Amino acid sequence: MFGIGAPELILIFLIVLLVFGAKRLPEIARSLGKATQEFRKAKNEFSAIATEATNEDDAAQASPKAPPRAESGEPPAKGSA
């Protein structure tokens, strides 16, 4: 996890404890948890939308469309695209 081990996490916790105090620490942790939850929710929604769009593009490319027919009712000449 980003190369942060237990000693680094303890040091970060102690610095936060000294800066904000013990009374505000639960409030900060709760806010951080809510922000993380909202970020994950937005990421999952974006991922679902991107997957859906990719699937639609793949489906559109997989079903070839028939070439347009000539107005006279005759099939198009061979070799014309």
N, C-alpha and C. Protein backbone atom coordinates (compact mmCIF):
# COMPACT_ATOMS: atom_id res chain seq x y z
N MET A 1 0.84 -1.17 0.00
CA MET A 1 0.00 0.00 0.00
C MET A 1 0.88 1.24 0.00
N PHE A 2 1.35 1.66 -1.12
CA PHE A 2 2.16 2.87 -1.29
C PHE A 2 3.46 2.83 -0.51
N GLY A 3 3.92 1.67 -0.08
CA GLY A 3 5.18 1.56 0.64
C GLY A 3 5.11 2.09 2.06
N ILE A 4 3.90 2.21 2.63
CA ILE A 4 3.75 2.70 3.99
C ILE A 4 3.56 1.49 4.90
N GLY A 5 4.47 1.34 5.86
CA GLY A 5 4.38 0.24 6.80
C GLY A 5 3.79 0.67 8.12
N ALA A 6 3.82 -0.24 9.08
CA ALA A 6 3.26 0.03 10.40
C ALA A 6 3.94 1.21 11.11
N PRO A 7 5.28 1.29 11.10
CA PRO A 7 5.91 2.43 11.79
C PRO A 7 5.50 3.79 11.19
N GLU A 8 5.37 3.84 9.88
CA GLU A 8 4.97 5.10 9.24
C GLU A 8 3.54 5.46 9.60
N LEU A 9 2.64 4.46 9.64
CA LEU A 9 1.25 4.72 10.01
C LEU A 9 1.13 5.21 11.44
N ILE A 10 1.92 4.63 12.34
CA ILE A 10 1.90 5.06 13.74
C ILE A 10 2.38 6.50 13.84
N LEU A 11 3.43 6.84 13.11
CA LEU A 11 3.94 8.21 13.13
C LEU A 11 2.91 9.19 12.60
N ILE A 12 2.25 8.85 11.52
CA ILE A 12 1.21 9.72 10.95
C ILE A 12 0.08 9.89 11.96
N PHE A 13 -0.34 8.79 12.61
CA PHE A 13 -1.41 8.87 13.61
C PHE A 13 -1.01 9.79 14.76
N LEU A 14 0.22 9.67 15.24
CA LEU A 14 0.67 10.52 16.34
C LEU A 14 0.70 12.00 15.94
N ILE A 15 1.14 12.29 14.74
CA ILE A 15 1.17 13.68 14.27
C ILE A 15 -0.25 14.25 14.18
N VAL A 16 -1.17 13.46 13.64
CA VAL A 16 -2.56 13.91 13.55
C VAL A 16 -3.14 14.11 14.95
N LEU A 17 -2.83 13.21 15.86
CA LEU A 17 -3.30 13.33 17.24
C LEU A 17 -2.78 14.61 17.89
N LEU A 18 -1.52 14.94 17.67
CA LEU A 18 -0.95 16.16 18.24
C LEU A 18 -1.54 17.42 17.61
N VAL A 19 -1.76 17.39 16.30
CA VAL A 19 -2.25 18.59 15.61
C VAL A 19 -3.72 18.85 15.93
N PHE A 20 -4.56 17.83 15.87
CA PHE A 20 -6.00 18.03 16.02
C PHE A 20 -6.53 17.75 17.42
N GLY A 21 -5.85 16.97 18.20
CA GLY A 21 -6.31 16.65 19.55
C GLY A 21 -7.18 15.41 19.57
N ALA A 22 -7.31 14.85 20.76
CA ALA A 22 -8.03 13.59 20.92
C ALA A 22 -9.54 13.76 20.73
N LYS A 23 -10.07 14.94 21.04
CA LYS A 23 -11.52 15.15 20.95
C LYS A 23 -12.01 15.22 19.51
N ARG A 24 -11.19 15.76 18.61
CA ARG A 24 -11.62 15.90 17.22
C ARG A 24 -11.24 14.70 16.36
N LEU A 25 -10.44 13.79 16.87
CA LEU A 25 -9.99 12.64 16.09
C LEU A 25 -11.13 11.76 15.59
N PRO A 26 -12.13 11.40 16.42
CA PRO A 26 -13.24 10.60 15.88
C PRO A 26 -14.03 11.32 14.78
N GLU A 27 -14.20 12.62 14.93
CA GLU A 27 -14.90 13.41 13.92
C GLU A 27 -14.13 13.40 12.59
N ILE A 28 -12.84 13.54 12.67
CA ILE A 28 -12.00 13.53 11.47
C ILE A 28 -12.04 12.15 10.81
N ALA A 29 -11.97 11.09 11.62
CA ALA A 29 -12.01 9.73 11.08
C ALA A 29 -13.36 9.47 10.41
N ARG A 30 -14.45 9.94 11.01
CA ARG A 30 -15.78 9.76 10.43
C ARG A 30 -15.89 10.49 9.10
N SER A 31 -15.39 11.71 9.04
CA SER A 31 -15.42 12.48 7.79
C SER A 31 -14.58 11.81 6.71
N LEU A 32 -13.43 11.29 7.09
CA LEU A 32 -12.57 10.60 6.14
C LEU A 32 -13.25 9.33 5.62
N GLY A 33 -13.93 8.61 6.49
CA GLY A 33 -14.65 7.41 6.07
C GLY A 33 -15.78 7.73 5.10
N LYS A 34 -16.52 8.81 5.38
CA LYS A 34 -17.61 9.21 4.48
C LYS A 34 -17.06 9.64 3.12
N ALA A 35 -15.96 10.37 3.13
CA ALA A 35 -15.35 10.82 1.87
C ALA A 35 -14.87 9.61 1.05
N THR A 36 -14.28 8.64 1.73
CA THR A 36 -13.82 7.43 1.05
C THR A 36 -14.99 6.67 0.46
N GLN A 37 -16.09 6.58 1.20
CA GLN A 37 -17.29 5.89 0.72
C GLN A 37 -17.86 6.58 -0.51
N GLU A 38 -17.94 7.90 -0.49
CA GLU A 38 -18.45 8.65 -1.64
C GLU A 38 -17.54 8.48 -2.86
N PHE A 39 -16.23 8.47 -2.63
CA PHE A 39 -15.29 8.28 -3.72
C PHE A 39 -15.47 6.91 -4.36
N ARG A 40 -15.61 5.88 -3.54
CA ARG A 40 -15.80 4.52 -4.07
C ARG A 40 -17.12 4.42 -4.84
N LYS A 41 -18.16 5.05 -4.33
CA LYS A 41 -19.46 5.03 -4.99
C LYS A 41 -19.36 5.69 -6.36
N ALA A 42 -18.71 6.85 -6.43
CA ALA A 42 -18.55 7.55 -7.71
C ALA A 42 -17.69 6.73 -8.67
N LYS A 43 -16.66 6.08 -8.15
CA LYS A 43 -15.79 5.25 -8.99
C LYS A 43 -16.56 4.07 -9.57
N ASN A 44 -17.38 3.44 -8.75
CA ASN A 44 -18.17 2.30 -9.22
C ASN A 44 -19.20 2.73 -10.26
N GLU A 45 -19.84 3.88 -10.06
CA GLU A 45 -20.80 4.39 -11.04
C GLU A 45 -20.11 4.69 -12.37
N PHE A 46 -18.96 5.34 -12.31
CA PHE A 46 -18.21 5.65 -13.52
C PHE A 46 -17.77 4.38 -14.23
N SER A 47 -17.32 3.40 -13.46
CA SER A 47 -16.90 2.14 -14.05
C SER A 47 -18.06 1.43 -14.74
N ALA A 48 -19.24 1.46 -14.12
CA ALA A 48 -20.41 0.83 -14.72
C ALA A 48 -20.81 1.53 -16.02
N ILE A 49 -20.76 2.85 -16.03
CA ILE A 49 -21.11 3.61 -17.23
C ILE A 49 -20.10 3.33 -18.35
N ALA A 50 -18.81 3.29 -18.00
CA ALA A 50 -17.78 3.03 -19.00
C ALA A 50 -17.91 1.61 -19.56
N THR A 51 -18.21 0.65 -18.71
CA THR A 51 -18.39 -0.73 -19.16
C THR A 51 -19.60 -0.84 -20.08
N GLU A 52 -20.68 -0.17 -19.71
CA GLU A 52 -21.89 -0.19 -20.54
C GLU A 52 -21.63 0.42 -21.92
N ALA A 53 -20.92 1.53 -21.94
CA ALA A 53 -20.61 2.19 -23.22
C ALA A 53 -19.71 1.29 -24.08
N THR A 54 -18.75 0.63 -23.46
CA THR A 54 -17.86 -0.27 -24.19
C THR A 54 -18.64 -1.44 -24.76
N ASN A 55 -19.56 -1.98 -23.97
CA ASN A 55 -20.37 -3.11 -24.45
C ASN A 55 -21.26 -2.68 -25.62
N GLU A 56 -21.81 -1.47 -25.56
CA GLU A 56 -22.63 -0.97 -26.66
C GLU A 56 -21.80 -0.81 -27.92
N ASP A 57 -20.59 -0.28 -27.79
CA ASP A 57 -19.71 -0.11 -28.94
C ASP A 57 -19.33 -1.47 -29.54
N ASP A 58 -19.03 -2.44 -28.68
CA ASP A 58 -18.68 -3.77 -29.17
C ASP A 58 -19.87 -4.42 -29.89
N ALA A 59 -21.06 -4.23 -29.35
CA ALA A 59 -22.26 -4.80 -29.98
C ALA A 59 -22.53 -4.14 -31.33
N ALA A 60 -22.30 -2.85 -31.41
CA ALA A 60 -22.52 -2.14 -32.68
C ALA A 60 -21.51 -2.59 -33.73
N GLN A 61 -20.29 -2.86 -33.34
CA GLN A 61 -19.28 -3.30 -34.29
C GLN A 61 -19.48 -4.76 -34.67
N ALA A 62 -20.07 -5.56 -33.79
CA ALA A 62 -20.25 -6.98 -34.06
C ALA A 62 -21.39 -7.23 -35.04
N SER A 63 -22.39 -6.37 -35.08
CA SER A 63 -23.52 -6.57 -35.99
C SER A 63 -23.31 -5.72 -37.24
N PRO A 64 -22.81 -6.35 -38.30
CA PRO A 64 -22.56 -5.58 -39.53
C PRO A 64 -23.88 -5.14 -40.16
N LYS A 65 -23.87 -3.94 -40.69
CA LYS A 65 -25.06 -3.42 -41.34
C LYS A 65 -25.02 -3.79 -42.82
N ALA A 66 -26.19 -4.05 -43.36
CA ALA A 66 -26.27 -4.39 -44.78
C ALA A 66 -26.00 -3.12 -45.60
N PRO A 67 -25.29 -3.28 -46.72
CA PRO A 67 -25.02 -2.10 -47.54
C PRO A 67 -26.33 -1.57 -48.14
N PRO A 68 -26.41 -0.28 -48.35
CA PRO A 68 -27.64 0.28 -48.90
C PRO A 68 -27.88 -0.23 -50.32
N ARG A 69 -29.13 -0.48 -50.65
CA ARG A 69 -29.50 -0.97 -51.97
C ARG A 69 -29.68 0.21 -52.90
N ALA A 70 -29.48 -0.05 -54.17
CA ALA A 70 -29.66 1.00 -55.18
C ALA A 70 -31.14 1.36 -55.26
N GLU A 71 -31.44 2.58 -55.69
CA GLU A 71 -32.82 3.06 -55.76
C GLU A 71 -33.64 2.28 -56.78
N SER A 72 -33.01 1.72 -57.77
CA SER A 72 -33.75 1.01 -58.81
C SER A 72 -34.22 -0.37 -58.36
N GLY A 73 -33.82 -0.78 -57.17
CA GLY A 73 -34.23 -2.07 -56.67
C GLY A 73 -33.25 -3.17 -57.02
N GLU A 74 -32.20 -2.84 -57.77
CA GLU A 74 -31.20 -3.83 -58.13
C GLU A 74 -30.13 -3.88 -57.06
N PRO A 75 -29.56 -5.05 -56.84
CA PRO A 75 -28.47 -5.14 -55.84
C PRO A 75 -27.26 -4.35 -56.33
N PRO A 76 -26.45 -3.85 -55.42
CA PRO A 76 -25.25 -3.10 -55.82
C PRO A 76 -24.29 -3.98 -56.60
N ALA A 77 -23.51 -3.36 -57.44
CA ALA A 77 -22.54 -4.08 -58.27
C ALA A 77 -21.45 -4.67 -57.38
N LYS A 78 -20.86 -5.79 -57.84
CA LYS A 78 -19.81 -6.42 -57.07
C LYS A 78 -18.60 -5.48 -57.02
N GLY A 79 -17.92 -5.50 -55.85
CA GLY A 79 -16.72 -4.70 -55.71
C GLY A 79 -16.99 -3.27 -55.24
N SER A 80 -18.22 -2.84 -55.20
CA SER A 80 -18.49 -1.49 -54.71
C SER A 80 -18.74 -1.56 -53.22
N ALA A 81 -18.22 -0.59 -52.50
CA ALA A 81 -18.36 -0.62 -51.06
C ALA A 81 -19.18 0.49 -50.57
